Amino acid sequence: MKILVVDDSKVMRSIIIRTIKHAGYADAVFAEAGNGIEALKAMREGQPDVMLLDWNMPDLNGIDLAEKLKGAGIKVKFGFVTTETSDAMRQRAMEAGALFLVAKPFTPEGMQAALAKALA
């Protein structure tokens, strides 16, 4: 399984990856991107099974990337790992096709539940 982690903080990407491994996905192959533009490039090199997006990033943020992919008809399972958890933002994420929204700070159990839903 290939997982693309998209966050502008390298430290946060490392924390997310470590948490996913602790959540039972230690055998996953991970790719990283620091913003939506890098994520698009990474997807051209091989589409992931699931993508985890931060909401707020420079250049191309997570929600704009999700909406761009949907508009282009590119289907990839994804969700958000973010501090943005308002009802309006949750609704916008779901309309863009997000399967989950994991609030920071998160736990391995929460991450496992979100990924299980996306990979079902």
PDB file of N, CA and C in Angstrom:
ATOM      1  N   MET A   1       0.849  -1.175   0.000  1.00  0.00           N
ATOM      2  CA  MET A   1       0.000   0.000   0.000  1.00  0.00           C
ATOM      3  C   MET A   1       0.896   1.240   0.000  1.00  0.00           C
ATOM      4  N   LYS A   2       0.533   2.216  -0.835  1.00  0.00           N
ATOM      5  CA  LYS A   2       1.288   3.469  -0.914  1.00  0.00           C
ATOM      6  C   LYS A   2       0.451   4.589  -0.305  1.00  0.00           C
ATOM      7  N   ILE A   3       1.076   5.327   0.609  1.00  0.00           N
ATOM      8  CA  ILE A   3       0.414   6.438   1.292  1.00  0.00           C
ATOM      9  C   ILE A   3       1.206   7.713   1.018  1.00  0.00           C
ATOM     10  N   LEU A   4       0.521   8.730   0.518  1.00  0.00           N
ATOM     11  CA  LEU A   4       1.131  10.040   0.284  1.00  0.00           C
ATOM     12  C   LEU A   4       0.715  10.975   1.408  1.00  0.00           C
ATOM     13  N   VAL A   5       1.707  11.508   2.117  1.00  0.00           N
ATOM     14  CA  VAL A   5       1.464  12.428   3.224  1.00  0.00           C
ATOM     15  C   VAL A   5       1.861  13.828   2.754  1.00  0.00           C
ATOM     16  N   VAL A   6       0.888  14.741   2.772  1.00  0.00           N
ATOM     17  CA  VAL A   6       1.097  16.089   2.247  1.00  0.00           C
ATOM     18  C   VAL A   6       0.902  17.095   3.378  1.00  0.00           C
ATOM     19  N   ASP A   7       1.992  17.718   3.799  1.00  0.00           N
ATOM     20  CA  ASP A   7       1.966  18.719   4.874  1.00  0.00           C
ATOM     21  C   ASP A   7       3.181  19.602   4.688  1.00  0.00           C
ATOM     22  N   ASP A   8       3.036  20.898   4.928  1.00  0.00           N
ATOM     23  CA  ASP A   8       4.161  21.808   4.736  1.00  0.00           C
ATOM     24  C   ASP A   8       5.205  21.687   5.836  1.00  0.00           C
ATOM     25  N   SER A   9       4.917  20.988   6.913  1.00  0.00           N
ATOM     26  CA  SER A   9       5.875  20.781   7.997  1.00  0.00           C
ATOM     27  C   SER A   9       6.495  19.393   7.888  1.00  0.00           C
ATOM     28  N   LYS A  10       7.800  19.345   7.668  1.00  0.00           N
ATOM     29  CA  LYS A  10       8.493  18.052   7.594  1.00  0.00           C
ATOM     30  C   LYS A  10       8.345  17.292   8.899  1.00  0.00           C
ATOM     31  N   VAL A  11       8.402  17.994  10.012  1.00  0.00           N
ATOM     32  CA  VAL A  11       8.237  17.350  11.321  1.00  0.00           C
ATOM     33  C   VAL A  11       6.851  16.712  11.422  1.00  0.00           C
ATOM     34  N   MET A  12       5.816  17.433  10.996  1.00  0.00           N
ATOM     35  CA  MET A  12       4.461  16.883  11.058  1.00  0.00           C
ATOM     36  C   MET A  12       4.328  15.676  10.135  1.00  0.00           C
ATOM     37  N   ARG A  13       4.938  15.721   8.955  1.00  0.00           N
ATOM     38  CA  ARG A  13       4.900  14.555   8.070  1.00  0.00           C
ATOM     39  C   ARG A  13       5.516  13.345   8.763  1.00  0.00           C
ATOM     40  N   SER A  14       6.625  13.550   9.457  1.00  0.00           N
ATOM     41  CA  SER A  14       7.276  12.456  10.187  1.00  0.00           C
ATOM     42  C   SER A  14       6.384  11.925  11.300  1.00  0.00           C
ATOM     43  N   ILE A  15       5.709  12.809  12.013  1.00  0.00           N
ATOM     44  CA  ILE A  15       4.805  12.393  13.092  1.00  0.00           C
ATOM     45  C   ILE A  15       3.639  11.597  12.520  1.00  0.00           C
ATOM     46  N   ILE A  16       3.081  12.059  11.411  1.00  0.00           N
ATOM     47  CA  ILE A  16       1.964  11.352  10.775  1.00  0.00           C
ATOM     48  C   ILE A  16       2.402   9.961  10.337  1.00  0.00           C
ATOM     49  N   ILE A  17       3.543   9.867   9.689  1.00  0.00           N
ATOM     50  CA  ILE A  17       4.044   8.575   9.217  1.00  0.00           C
ATOM     51  C   ILE A  17       4.285   7.634  10.388  1.00  0.00           C
ATOM     52  N   ARG A  18       4.923   8.119  11.434  1.00  0.00           N
ATOM     53  CA  ARG A  18       5.178   7.295  12.614  1.00  0.00           C
ATOM     54  C   ARG A  18       3.862   6.815  13.230  1.00  0.00           C
ATOM     55  N   THR A  19       2.875   7.699  13.299  1.00  0.00           N
ATOM     56  CA  THR A  19       1.577   7.336  13.864  1.00  0.00           C
ATOM     57  C   THR A  19       0.878   6.288  13.001  1.00  0.00           C
ATOM     58  N   ILE A  20       0.956   6.436  11.693  1.00  0.00           N
ATOM     59  CA  ILE A  20       0.344   5.455  10.790  1.00  0.00           C
ATOM     60  C   ILE A  20       1.005   4.086  10.979  1.00  0.00           C
ATOM     61  N   LYS A  21       2.319   4.075  11.101  1.00  0.00           N
ATOM     62  CA  LYS A  21       3.023   2.807  11.328  1.00  0.00           C
ATOM     63  C   LYS A  21       2.555   2.166  12.629  1.00  0.00           C
ATOM     64  N   HIS A  22       2.428   2.973  13.697  1.00  0.00           N
ATOM     65  CA  HIS A  22       1.946   2.462  14.987  1.00  0.00           C
ATOM     66  C   HIS A  22       0.482   2.033  14.923  1.00  0.00           C
ATOM     67  N   ALA A  23      -0.243   2.541  13.945  1.00  0.00           N
ATOM     68  CA  ALA A  23      -1.659   2.200  13.787  1.00  0.00           C
ATOM     69  C   ALA A  23      -1.857   0.882  13.039  1.00  0.00           C
ATOM     70  N   GLY A  24      -0.756   0.216  12.693  1.00  0.00           N
ATOM     71  CA  GLY A  24      -0.870  -1.087  12.051  1.00  0.00           C
ATOM     72  C   GLY A  24      -0.511  -1.116  10.585  1.00  0.00           C
ATOM     73  N   TYR A  25       0.050  -0.034  10.078  1.00  0.00           N
ATOM     74  CA  TYR A  25       0.400   0.036   8.659  1.00  0.00           C
ATOM     75  C   TYR A  25       1.912   0.169   8.472  1.00  0.00           C
ATOM     76  N   ALA A  26       2.676  -0.612   9.231  1.00  0.00           N
ATOM     77  CA  ALA A  26       4.138  -0.519   9.191  1.00  0.00           C
ATOM     78  C   ALA A  26       4.709  -0.941   7.843  1.00  0.00           C
ATOM     79  N   ASP A  27       3.980  -1.759   7.097  1.00  0.00           N
ATOM     80  CA  ASP A  27       4.475  -2.232   5.802  1.00  0.00           C
ATOM     81  C   ASP A  27       4.158  -1.289   4.652  1.00  0.00           C
ATOM     82  N   ALA A  28       3.464  -0.194   4.931  1.00  0.00           N
ATOM     83  CA  ALA A  28       3.106   0.752   3.875  1.00  0.00           C
ATOM     84  C   ALA A  28       4.352   1.422   3.306  1.00  0.00           C
ATOM     85  N   VAL A  29       4.237   1.824   2.049  1.00  0.00           N
ATOM     86  CA  VAL A  29       5.279   2.620   1.400  1.00  0.00           C
ATOM     87  C   VAL A  29       4.810   4.064   1.463  1.00  0.00           C
ATOM     88  N   PHE A  30       5.668   4.941   1.951  1.00  0.00           N
ATOM     89  CA  PHE A  30       5.283   6.336   2.144  1.00  0.00           C
ATOM     90  C   PHE A  30       5.978   7.245   1.151  1.00  0.00           C
ATOM     91  N   ALA A  31       5.223   8.224   0.659  1.00  0.00           N
ATOM     92  CA  ALA A  31       5.759   9.322  -0.132  1.00  0.00           C
ATOM     93  C   ALA A  31       5.354  10.600   0.588  1.00  0.00           C
ATOM     94  N   GLU A  32       6.145  11.641   0.414  1.00  0.00           N
ATOM     95  CA  GLU A  32       5.879  12.903   1.099  1.00  0.00           C
ATOM     96  C   GLU A  32       5.860  14.060   0.112  1.00  0.00           C
ATOM     97  N   ALA A  33       5.066  15.076   0.466  1.00  0.00           N
ATOM     98  CA  ALA A  33       5.026  16.310  -0.308  1.00  0.00           C
ATOM     99  C   ALA A  33       4.801  17.467   0.659  1.00  0.00           C
ATOM    100  N   GLY A  34       5.405  18.612   0.366  1.00  0.00           N
ATOM    101  CA  GLY A  34       5.315  19.775   1.232  1.00  0.00           C
ATOM    102  C   GLY A  34       4.193  20.734   0.880  1.00  0.00           C
ATOM    103  N   ASN A  35       3.505  20.486  -0.237  1.00  0.00           N
ATOM    104  CA  ASN A  35       2.359  21.310  -0.637  1.00  0.00           C
ATOM    105  C   ASN A  35       1.629  20.597  -1.769  1.00  0.00           C
ATOM    106  N   GLY A  36       0.553  21.187  -2.225  1.00  0.00           N
ATOM    107  CA  GLY A  36      -0.253  20.560  -3.257  1.00  0.00           C
ATOM    108  C   GLY A  36       0.462  20.397  -4.584  1.00  0.00           C
ATOM    109  N   ILE A  37       1.323  21.334  -4.927  1.00  0.00           N
ATOM    110  CA  ILE A  37       2.066  21.237  -6.186  1.00  0.00           C
ATOM    111  C   ILE A  37       3.011  20.042  -6.150  1.00  0.00           C
ATOM    112  N   GLU A  38       3.715  19.871  -5.028  1.00  0.00           N
ATOM    113  CA  GLU A  38       4.590  18.708  -4.874  1.00  0.00           C
ATOM    114  C   GLU A  38       3.771  17.414  -4.867  1.00  0.00           C
ATOM    115  N   ALA A  39       2.571  17.462  -4.305  1.00  0.00           N
ATOM    116  CA  ALA A  39       1.703  16.279  -4.269  1.00  0.00           C
ATOM    117  C   ALA A  39       1.301  15.866  -5.681  1.00  0.00           C
ATOM    118  N   LEU A  40       0.974  16.839  -6.532  1.00  0.00           N
ATOM    119  CA  LEU A  40       0.631  16.528  -7.920  1.00  0.00           C
ATOM    120  C   LEU A  40       1.799  15.854  -8.635  1.00  0.00           C
ATOM    121  N   LYS A  41       3.003  16.356  -8.389  1.00  0.00           N
ATOM    122  CA  LYS A  41       4.198  15.756  -8.986  1.00  0.00           C
ATOM    123  C   LYS A  41       4.377  14.327  -8.469  1.00  0.00           C
ATOM    124  N   ALA A  42       4.208  14.132  -7.168  1.00  0.00           N
ATOM    125  CA  ALA A  42       4.358  12.793  -6.582  1.00  0.00           C
ATOM    126  C   ALA A  42       3.320  11.835  -7.151  1.00  0.00           C
ATOM    127  N   MET A  43       2.115  12.331  -7.416  1.00  0.00           N
ATOM    128  CA  MET A  43       1.066  11.482  -7.968  1.00  0.00           C
ATOM    129  C   MET A  43       1.377  11.060  -9.405  1.00  0.00           C
ATOM    130  N   ARG A  44       2.060  11.913 -10.147  1.00  0.00           N
ATOM    131  CA  ARG A  44       2.460  11.549 -11.510  1.00  0.00           C
ATOM    132  C   ARG A  44       3.482  10.415 -11.495  1.00  0.00           C
ATOM    133  N   GLU A  45       4.237  10.326 -10.401  1.00  0.00           N
ATOM    134  CA  GLU A  45       5.259   9.284 -10.271  1.00  0.00           C
ATOM    135  C   GLU A  45       4.648   7.969  -9.792  1.00  0.00           C
ATOM    136  N   GLY A  46       3.412   7.980  -9.427  1.00  0.00           N
ATOM    137  CA  GLY A  46       2.726   6.777  -8.967  1.00  0.00           C
ATOM    138  C   GLY A  46       1.606   7.142  -8.021  1.00  0.00           C
ATOM    139  N   GLN A  47       0.377   6.902  -8.442  1.00  0.00           N
ATOM    140  CA  GLN A  47      -0.776   7.297  -7.626  1.00  0.00           C
ATOM    141  C   GLN A  47      -0.825   6.484  -6.339  1.00  0.00           C
ATOM    142  N   PRO A  48      -1.031   7.153  -5.217  1.00  0.00           N
ATOM    143  CA  PRO A  48      -1.109   6.443  -3.937  1.00  0.00           C
ATOM    144  C   PRO A  48      -2.451   5.743  -3.762  1.00  0.00           C
ATOM    145  N   ASP A  49      -2.483   4.806  -2.836  1.00  0.00           N
ATOM    146  CA  ASP A  49      -3.738   4.163  -2.458  1.00  0.00           C
ATOM    147  C   ASP A  49      -4.575   5.110  -1.613  1.00  0.00           C
ATOM    148  N   VAL A  50      -3.895   5.931  -0.836  1.00  0.00           N
ATOM    149  CA  VAL A  50      -4.581   6.917   0.001  1.00  0.00           C
ATOM    150  C   VAL A  50      -3.640   8.112   0.206  1.00  0.00           C
ATOM    151  N   MET A  51      -4.236   9.279   0.341  1.00  0.00           N
ATOM    152  CA  MET A  51      -3.482  10.510   0.528  1.00  0.00           C
ATOM    153  C   MET A  51      -4.015  11.229   1.764  1.00  0.00           C
ATOM    154  N   LEU A  52      -3.097  11.697   2.608  1.00  0.00           N
ATOM    155  CA  LEU A  52      -3.457  12.478   3.786  1.00  0.00           C
ATOM    156  C   LEU A  52      -2.989  13.900   3.560  1.00  0.00           C
ATOM    157  N   LEU A  53      -3.918  14.845   3.649  1.00  0.00           N
ATOM    158  CA  LEU A  53      -3.641  16.243   3.327  1.00  0.00           C
ATOM    159  C   LEU A  53      -3.758  17.143   4.544  1.00  0.00           C
ATOM    160  N   ASP A  54      -2.858  18.099   4.626  1.00  0.00           N
ATOM    161  CA  ASP A  54      -3.032  19.217   5.551  1.00  0.00           C
ATOM    162  C   ASP A  54      -3.927  20.219   4.833  1.00  0.00           C
ATOM    163  N   TRP A  55      -4.661  20.985   5.576  1.00  0.00           N
ATOM    164  CA  TRP A  55      -5.563  21.974   4.968  1.00  0.00           C
ATOM    165  C   TRP A  55      -4.780  23.202   4.529  1.00  0.00           C
ATOM    166  N   ASN A  56      -4.007  23.772   5.441  1.00  0.00           N
ATOM    167  CA  ASN A  56      -3.297  25.033   5.184  1.00  0.00           C
ATOM    168  C   ASN A  56      -1.845  24.775   4.800  1.00  0.00           C
ATOM    169  N   MET A  57      -1.520  25.100   3.542  1.00  0.00           N
ATOM    170  CA  MET A  57      -0.153  24.974   3.035  1.00  0.00           C
ATOM    171  C   MET A  57       0.087  26.073   2.010  1.00  0.00           C
ATOM    172  N   PRO A  58       1.343  26.440   1.814  1.00  0.00           N
ATOM    173  CA  PRO A  58       1.637  27.452   0.788  1.00  0.00           C
ATOM    174  C   PRO A  58       1.502  26.863  -0.616  1.00  0.00           C
ATOM    175  N   ASP A  59       1.426  27.735  -1.590  1.00  0.00           N
ATOM    176  CA  ASP A  59       1.410  27.415  -3.020  1.00  0.00           C
ATOM    177  C   ASP A  59       0.102  26.772  -3.475  1.00  0.00           C
ATOM    178  N   LEU A  60      -0.234  25.605  -2.981  1.00  0.00           N
ATOM    179  CA  LEU A  60      -1.510  24.963  -3.297  1.00  0.00           C
ATOM    180  C   LEU A  60      -1.923  24.203  -2.046  1.00  0.00           C
ATOM    181  N   ASN A  61      -2.947  24.715  -1.349  1.00  0.00           N
ATOM    182  CA  ASN A  61      -3.328  24.095  -0.082  1.00  0.00           C
ATOM    183  C   ASN A  61      -4.116  22.810  -0.314  1.00  0.00           C
ATOM    184  N   GLY A  62      -4.381  22.106   0.775  1.00  0.00           N
ATOM    185  CA  GLY A  62      -5.005  20.794   0.690  1.00  0.00           C
ATOM    186  C   GLY A  62      -6.391  20.797   0.085  1.00  0.00           C
ATOM    187  N   ILE A  63      -7.241  21.726   0.503  1.00  0.00           N
ATOM    188  CA  ILE A  63      -8.607  21.736  -0.014  1.00  0.00           C
ATOM    189  C   ILE A  63      -8.627  22.125  -1.492  1.00  0.00           C
ATOM    190  N   ASP A  64      -7.777  23.071  -1.883  1.00  0.00           N
ATOM    191  CA  ASP A  64      -7.713  23.438  -3.303  1.00  0.00           C
ATOM    192  C   ASP A  64      -7.192  22.275  -4.140  1.00  0.00           C
ATOM    193  N   LEU A  65      -6.226  21.521  -3.609  1.00  0.00           N
ATOM    194  CA  LEU A  65      -5.729  20.340  -4.313  1.00  0.00           C
ATOM    195  C   LEU A  65      -6.851  19.327  -4.474  1.00  0.00           C
ATOM    196  N   ALA A  66      -7.588  19.059  -3.405  1.00  0.00           N
ATOM    197  CA  ALA A  66      -8.686  18.094  -3.465  1.00  0.00           C
ATOM    198  C   ALA A  66      -9.723  18.506  -4.505  1.00  0.00           C
ATOM    199  N   GLU A  67     -10.075  19.788  -4.516  1.00  0.00           N
ATOM    200  CA  GLU A  67     -11.063  20.275  -5.481  1.00  0.00           C
ATOM    201  C   GLU A  67     -10.527  20.222  -6.909  1.00  0.00           C
ATOM    202  N   LYS A  68      -9.234  20.476  -7.063  1.00  0.00           N
ATOM    203  CA  LYS A  68      -8.599  20.409  -8.390  1.00  0.00           C
ATOM    204  C   LYS A  68      -8.618  18.964  -8.907  1.00  0.00           C
ATOM    205  N   LEU A  69      -8.294  18.003  -8.056  1.00  0.00           N
ATOM    206  CA  LEU A  69      -8.305  16.597  -8.453  1.00  0.00           C
ATOM    207  C   LEU A  69      -9.710  16.155  -8.836  1.00  0.00           C
ATOM    208  N   LYS A  70     -10.687  16.548  -8.027  1.00  0.00           N
ATOM    209  CA  LYS A  70     -12.078  16.184  -8.314  1.00  0.00           C
ATOM    210  C   LYS A  70     -12.514  16.777  -9.651  1.00  0.00           C
ATOM    211  N   GLY A  71     -12.184  18.052  -9.880  1.00  0.00           N
ATOM    212  CA  GLY A  71     -12.546  18.717 -11.124  1.00  0.00           C
ATOM    213  C   GLY A  71     -11.911  18.082 -12.347  1.00  0.00           C
ATOM    214  N   ALA A  72     -10.717  17.498 -12.166  1.00  0.00           N
ATOM    215  CA  ALA A  72     -10.016  16.849 -13.269  1.00  0.00           C
ATOM    216  C   ALA A  72     -10.414  15.385 -13.421  1.00  0.00           C
ATOM    217  N   GLY A  73     -11.291  14.915 -12.541  1.00  0.00           N
ATOM    218  CA  GLY A  73     -11.733  13.529 -12.617  1.00  0.00           C
ATOM    219  C   GLY A  73     -10.710  12.527 -12.110  1.00  0.00           C
ATOM    220  N   ILE A  74      -9.732  12.997 -11.354  1.00  0.00           N
ATOM    221  CA  ILE A  74      -8.708  12.110 -10.797  1.00  0.00           C
ATOM    222  C   ILE A  74      -9.237  11.550  -9.483  1.00  0.00           C
ATOM    223  N   LYS A  75      -9.362  10.242  -9.429  1.00  0.00           N
ATOM    224  CA  LYS A  75      -9.926   9.598  -8.249  1.00  0.00           C
ATOM    225  C   LYS A  75      -8.806   9.038  -7.389  1.00  0.00           C
ATOM    226  N   VAL A  76      -8.714   9.544  -6.183  1.00  0.00           N
ATOM    227  CA  VAL A  76      -7.773   9.025  -5.196  1.00  0.00           C
ATOM    228  C   VAL A  76      -8.471   9.122  -3.839  1.00  0.00           C
ATOM    229  N   LYS A  77      -8.323   8.105  -3.030  1.00  0.00           N
ATOM    230  CA  LYS A  77      -8.909   8.136  -1.694  1.00  0.00           C
ATOM    231  C   LYS A  77      -8.062   9.076  -0.841  1.00  0.00           C
ATOM    232  N   PHE A  78      -8.734   9.971  -0.128  1.00  0.00           N
ATOM    233  CA  PHE A  78      -7.977  10.921   0.675  1.00  0.00           C
ATOM    234  C   PHE A  78      -8.807  11.423   1.852  1.00  0.00           C
ATOM    235  N   GLY A  79      -8.071  12.022   2.769  1.00  0.00           N
ATOM    236  CA  GLY A  79      -8.682  12.688   3.907  1.00  0.00           C
ATOM    237  C   GLY A  79      -7.732  13.745   4.420  1.00  0.00           C
ATOM    238  N   PHE A  80      -8.192  14.472   5.408  1.00  0.00           N
ATOM    239  CA  PHE A  80      -7.410  15.568   5.960  1.00  0.00           C
ATOM    240  C   PHE A  80      -6.904  15.242   7.355  1.00  0.00           C
ATOM    241  N   VAL A  81      -5.683  15.675   7.636  1.00  0.00           N
ATOM    242  CA  VAL A  81      -5.109  15.662   8.974  1.00  0.00           C
ATOM    243  C   VAL A  81      -4.796  17.123   9.243  1.00  0.00           C
ATOM    244  N   THR A  82      -5.616  17.759  10.077  1.00  0.00           N
ATOM    245  CA  THR A  82      -5.574  19.216  10.149  1.00  0.00           C
ATOM    246  C   THR A  82      -6.088  19.738  11.484  1.00  0.00           C
ATOM    247  N   THR A  83      -5.794  20.984  11.748  1.00  0.00           N
ATOM    248  CA  THR A  83      -6.377  21.669  12.909  1.00  0.00           C
ATOM    249  C   THR A  83      -7.715  22.296  12.542  1.00  0.00           C
ATOM    250  N   GLU A  84      -8.036  22.323  11.247  1.00  0.00           N
ATOM    251  CA  GLU A  84      -9.279  22.924  10.759  1.00  0.00           C
ATOM    252  C   GLU A  84     -10.425  21.939  10.948  1.00  0.00           C
ATOM    253  N   THR A  85     -11.289  22.188  11.913  1.00  0.00           N
ATOM    254  CA  THR A  85     -12.342  21.222  12.204  1.00  0.00           C
ATOM    255  C   THR A  85     -13.722  21.855  12.330  1.00  0.00           C
ATOM    256  N   SER A  86     -13.890  23.055  11.813  1.00  0.00           N
ATOM    257  CA  SER A  86     -15.211  23.678  11.891  1.00  0.00           C
ATOM    258  C   SER A  86     -16.192  22.889  11.019  1.00  0.00           C
ATOM    259  N   ASP A  87     -17.472  23.027  11.314  1.00  0.00           N
ATOM    260  CA  ASP A  87     -18.490  22.327  10.528  1.00  0.00           C
ATOM    261  C   ASP A  87     -18.435  22.737   9.060  1.00  0.00           C
ATOM    262  N   ALA A  88     -18.206  24.023   8.798  1.00  0.00           N
ATOM    263  CA  ALA A  88     -18.136  24.506   7.416  1.00  0.00           C
ATOM    264  C   ALA A  88     -16.958  23.880   6.675  1.00  0.00           C
ATOM    265  N   MET A  89     -15.820  23.792   7.334  1.00  0.00           N
ATOM    266  CA  MET A  89     -14.644  23.202   6.687  1.00  0.00           C
ATOM    267  C   MET A  89     -14.819  21.702   6.518  1.00  0.00           C
ATOM    268  N   ARG A  90     -15.420  21.038   7.489  1.00  0.00           N
ATOM    269  CA  ARG A  90     -15.698  19.606   7.380  1.00  0.00           C
ATOM    270  C   ARG A  90     -16.629  19.351   6.185  1.00  0.00           C
ATOM    271  N   GLN A  91     -17.644  20.187   6.032  1.00  0.00           N
ATOM    272  CA  GLN A  91     -18.585  20.055   4.921  1.00  0.00           C
ATOM    273  C   GLN A  91     -17.875  20.255   3.581  1.00  0.00           C
ATOM    274  N   ARG A  92     -17.030  21.274   3.496  1.00  0.00           N
ATOM    275  CA  ARG A  92     -16.297  21.533   2.256  1.00  0.00           C
ATOM    276  C   ARG A  92     -15.380  20.354   1.912  1.00  0.00           C
ATOM    277  N   ALA A  93     -14.738  19.785   2.929  1.00  0.00           N
ATOM    278  CA  ALA A  93     -13.859  18.635   2.707  1.00  0.00           C
ATOM    279  C   ALA A  93     -14.644  17.453   2.157  1.00  0.00           C
ATOM    280  N   MET A  94     -15.801  17.176   2.737  1.00  0.00           N
ATOM    281  CA  MET A  94     -16.611  16.049   2.289  1.00  0.00           C
ATOM    282  C   MET A  94     -17.146  16.285   0.867  1.00  0.00           C
ATOM    283  N   GLU A  95     -17.513  17.521   0.557  1.00  0.00           N
ATOM    284  CA  GLU A  95     -17.977  17.849  -0.793  1.00  0.00           C
ATOM    285  C   GLU A  95     -16.867  17.660  -1.825  1.00  0.00           C
ATOM    286  N   ALA A  96     -15.616  17.853  -1.397  1.00  0.00           N
ATOM    287  CA  ALA A  96     -14.478  17.666  -2.298  1.00  0.00           C
ATOM    288  C   ALA A  96     -14.115  16.185  -2.444  1.00  0.00           C
ATOM    289  N   GLY A  97     -14.738  15.340  -1.620  1.00  0.00           N
ATOM    290  CA  GLY A  97     -14.498  13.906  -1.735  1.00  0.00           C
ATOM    291  C   GLY A  97     -13.719  13.279  -0.602  1.00  0.00           C
ATOM    292  N   ALA A  98     -13.405  14.051   0.439  1.00  0.00           N
ATOM    293  CA  ALA A  98     -12.651  13.502   1.576  1.00  0.00           C
ATOM    294  C   ALA A  98     -13.441  12.387   2.244  1.00  0.00           C
ATOM    295  N   LEU A  99     -12.739  11.344   2.631  1.00  0.00           N
ATOM    296  CA  LEU A  99     -13.353  10.211   3.311  1.00  0.00           C
ATOM    297  C   LEU A  99     -13.238  10.322   4.829  1.00  0.00           C
ATOM    298  N   PHE A 100     -12.331  11.179   5.287  1.00  0.00           N
ATOM    299  CA  PHE A 100     -12.148  11.345   6.728  1.00  0.00           C
ATOM    300  C   PHE A 100     -11.501  12.690   7.013  1.00  0.00           C
ATOM    301  N   LEU A 101     -11.609  13.112   8.239  1.00  0.00           N
ATOM    302  CA  LEU A 101     -10.933  14.298   8.735  1.00  0.00           C
ATOM    303  C   LEU A 101     -10.419  13.961  10.126  1.00  0.00           C
ATOM    304  N   VAL A 102      -9.101  13.905  10.270  1.00  0.00           N
ATOM    305  CA  VAL A 102      -8.460  13.606  11.543  1.00  0.00           C
ATOM    306  C   VAL A 102      -7.958  14.920  12.111  1.00  0.00           C
ATOM    307  N   ALA A 103      -8.411  15.237  13.322  1.00  0.00           N
ATOM    308  CA  ALA A 103      -8.005  16.486  13.958  1.00  0.00           C
ATOM    309  C   ALA A 103      -6.657  16.322  14.657  1.00  0.00           C
ATOM    310  N   LYS A 104      -5.807  17.334  14.515  1.00  0.00           N
ATOM    311  CA  LYS A 104      -4.553  17.395  15.269  1.00  0.00           C
ATOM    312  C   LYS A 104      -4.890  17.930  16.658  1.00  0.00           C
ATOM    313  N   PRO A 105      -4.340  17.402  17.722  1.00  0.00           N
ATOM    314  CA  PRO A 105      -3.461  16.227  17.780  1.00  0.00           C
ATOM    315  C   PRO A 105      -4.258  14.943  17.589  1.00  0.00           C
ATOM    316  N   PHE A 106      -3.598  13.891  17.134  1.00  0.00           N
ATOM    317  CA  PHE A 106      -4.270  12.638  16.807  1.00  0.00           C
ATOM    318  C   PHE A 106      -3.569  11.484  17.504  1.00  0.00           C
ATOM    319  N   THR A 107      -4.219  10.341  17.488  1.00  0.00           N
ATOM    320  CA  THR A 107      -3.688   9.134  18.123  1.00  0.00           C
ATOM    321  C   THR A 107      -3.573   8.030  17.073  1.00  0.00           C
ATOM    322  N   PRO A 108      -2.800   6.990  17.355  1.00  0.00           N
ATOM    323  CA  PRO A 108      -2.762   5.857  16.429  1.00  0.00           C
ATOM    324  C   PRO A 108      -4.148   5.242  16.218  1.00  0.00           C
ATOM    325  N   GLU A 109      -4.953   5.194  17.268  1.00  0.00           N
ATOM    326  CA  GLU A 109      -6.296   4.622  17.149  1.00  0.00           C
ATOM    327  C   GLU A 109      -7.178   5.451  16.217  1.00  0.00           C
ATOM    328  N   GLY A 110      -7.112   6.756  16.348  1.00  0.00           N
ATOM    329  CA  GLY A 110      -7.874   7.635  15.473  1.00  0.00           C
ATOM    330  C   GLY A 110      -7.412   7.533  14.034  1.00  0.00           C
ATOM    331  N   MET A 111      -6.105   7.427  13.848  1.00  0.00           N
ATOM    332  CA  MET A 111      -5.543   7.300  12.502  1.00  0.00           C
ATOM    333  C   MET A 111      -5.945   5.957  11.894  1.00  0.00           C
ATOM    334  N   GLN A 112      -5.914   4.900  12.708  1.00  0.00           N
ATOM    335  CA  GLN A 112      -6.292   3.570  12.221  1.00  0.00           C
ATOM    336  C   GLN A 112      -7.760   3.558  11.784  1.00  0.00           C
ATOM    337  N   ALA A 113      -8.616   4.177  12.566  1.00  0.00           N
ATOM    338  CA  ALA A 113     -10.049   4.225  12.228  1.00  0.00           C
ATOM    339  C   ALA A 113     -10.268   4.979  10.909  1.00  0.00           C
ATOM    340  N   ALA A 114      -9.563   6.089  10.732  1.00  0.00           N
ATOM    341  CA  ALA A 114      -9.714   6.887   9.512  1.00  0.00           C
ATOM    342  C   ALA A 114      -9.208   6.113   8.293  1.00  0.00           C
ATOM    343  N   LEU A 115      -8.050   5.490   8.406  1.00  0.00           N
ATOM    344  CA  LEU A 115      -7.499   4.754   7.272  1.00  0.00           C
ATOM    345  C   LEU A 115      -8.320   3.516   6.954  1.00  0.00           C
ATOM    346  N   ALA A 116      -8.839   2.847   7.969  1.00  0.00           N
ATOM    347  CA  ALA A 116      -9.676   1.670   7.737  1.00  0.00           C
ATOM    348  C   ALA A 116     -10.903   2.051   6.921  1.00  0.00           C
ATOM    349  N   LYS A 117     -11.475   3.213   7.220  1.00  0.00           N
ATOM    350  CA  LYS A 117     -12.635   3.689   6.464  1.00  0.00           C
ATOM    351  C   LYS A 117     -12.244   3.961   5.006  1.00  0.00           C
ATOM    352  N   ALA A 118     -11.087   4.569   4.802  1.00  0.00           N
ATOM    353  CA  ALA A 118     -10.659   4.908   3.440  1.00  0.00           C
ATOM    354  C   ALA A 118     -10.263   3.678   2.632  1.00  0.00           C
ATOM    355  N   LEU A 119      -9.732   2.664   3.290  1.00  0.00           N
ATOM    356  CA  LEU A 119      -9.228   1.500   2.582  1.00  0.00           C
ATOM    357  C   LEU A 119     -10.219   0.350   2.510  1.00  0.00           C
ATOM    358  N   ALA A 120     -11.409   0.549   3.081  1.00  0.00           N
ATOM    359  CA  ALA A 120     -12.431  -0.509   3.076  1.00  0.00           C
ATOM    360  C   ALA A 120     -12.934  -0.778   1.675  1.00  0.00           C
TER     361      ALA A 120
END
